[in-house]
Protein backbone atom coordinates (compact mmCIF):
# COMPACT_ATOMS: atom_id res chain seq x y z
CA UNK A 1 -9.97 -2.16 2.08
CA UNK A 2 -8.67 -4.16 -0.85
CA UNK A 3 -4.90 -4.46 -1.00
CA UNK A 4 -4.36 -3.30 2.58
CA UNK A 5 -4.08 -5.76 5.46
CA UNK A 6 -3.20 -5.83 9.14
CA UNK A 7 -1.49 -8.85 10.60
CA UNK A 8 -0.48 -9.08 14.26
CA UNK A 9 3.29 -9.41 14.48
CA UNK A 10 3.95 -8.07 10.96
CA UNK A 11 5.22 -4.47 10.84
CA UNK A 12 3.86 -3.98 14.33
CA UNK A 13 0.34 -4.82 13.24
CA UNK A 14 0.15 -1.58 11.22
CA UNK A 15 -1.81 -1.39 8.00
CA UNK A 16 0.42 -2.55 5.17
CA UNK A 17 0.36 -3.36 1.48
CA UNK A 18 -0.84 -6.95 1.08
CA UNK A 19 1.95 -9.48 0.44
CA UNK A 20 4.63 -6.98 1.55
CA UNK A 21 6.14 -5.61 4.72
CA UNK A 22 5.64 -2.02 3.54
CA UNK A 23 3.40 -0.16 5.97
CA UNK A 24 0.96 2.47 4.76
CA UNK A 25 2.60 4.97 7.13
CA UNK A 26 5.85 4.60 5.15
CA UNK A 27 4.18 5.84 1.99
CA UNK A 28 2.39 8.60 3.89
CA UNK A 29 5.76 9.77 5.24
CA UNK A 30 7.07 9.90 1.68
CA UNK A 31 4.09 11.93 0.49
CA UNK A 32 4.51 14.32 3.41
CA UNK A 33 8.14 14.77 2.37
CA UNK A 34 6.86 15.92 -1.01
CA UNK A 35 7.35 12.79 -3.09
CA UNK A 36 4.75 12.00 -5.72
CA UNK A 37 3.43 8.55 -6.58
CA UNK A 38 5.94 8.03 -9.40
CA UNK A 39 8.82 8.75 -7.01
CA UNK A 40 7.37 6.37 -4.43
CA UNK A 41 7.13 3.66 -7.08
CA UNK A 42 10.80 4.20 -7.98
CA UNK A 43 11.78 3.90 -4.31
CA UNK A 44 9.65 0.80 -3.80
CA UNK A 45 9.79 -1.03 -7.16
CA UNK A 46 7.91 -4.07 -5.85
CA UNK A 47 4.76 -1.94 -5.50
CA UNK A 48 2.27 -1.43 -8.29
CA UNK A 49 0.35 1.77 -9.01
CA UNK A 50 -2.71 -0.04 -7.60
CA UNK A 51 -0.84 -0.70 -4.33
CA UNK A 52 0.03 2.98 -4.02
CA UNK A 53 -3.56 3.99 -4.79
CA UNK A 54 -4.86 1.55 -2.17
CA UNK A 55 -2.45 2.96 0.41
CA UNK A 56 -3.51 6.52 -0.39
CA UNK A 57 -7.20 5.60 -0.09
CA UNK A 58 -6.59 3.83 3.19
CA UNK A 59 -4.60 6.75 4.58
CA UNK A 60 -7.33 9.21 3.58
CA UNK A 61 -9.99 7.03 5.22
CA UNK A 62 -7.97 6.48 8.44
CA UNK A 63 -5.93 9.65 9.10
CA UNK A 64 -5.93 9.29 12.90
CA UNK A 65 -4.62 5.73 12.72
CA UNK A 66 -1.81 6.71 10.35
CA UNK A 67 -0.84 9.72 12.47
CA UNK A 68 -0.67 7.46 15.55
CA UNK A 69 1.47 4.95 13.65
CA UNK A 70 3.86 7.71 12.59
CA UNK A 71 4.06 9.06 16.15
CA UNK A 72 4.63 5.58 17.57
CA UNK A 73 7.43 4.86 15.11
CA UNK A 74 9.08 8.25 15.67
CA UNK A 75 8.99 7.63 19.43
CA UNK A 76 10.89 4.36 19.06
CA UNK A 77 14.01 5.97 17.60
CA UNK A 78 16.43 8.53 18.97
CA UNK A 79 17.46 9.53 15.45
CA UNK A 80 14.88 10.51 12.85
CA UNK A 81 13.95 7.66 10.54
CA UNK A 82 13.98 8.13 6.80
CA UNK A 83 11.43 5.80 5.18
CA UNK A 84 11.68 7.61 1.85
CA UNK A 85 15.39 8.17 1.15
CA UNK A 86 16.02 10.19 -1.94
CA UNK A 87 18.46 8.53 -4.28
């Protein structure tokens, strides 16, 4: 999928926005918290609207993978992680 890559050793090999270290699961976590795309773009100003659209398309096409990534990340931390802090 254009704009989304996986690289072993970069963000755990999870799907991420090309040329960044921002994993697709991070944006999915934000959307699940109720943030819209404009809010995500404010939180991650290096992303373009096209990056966010690519991440959404990827997440919709690979829901099981994203859910596993979120579960794996949550299992690595004793405290809940907050990938989409509200400022």
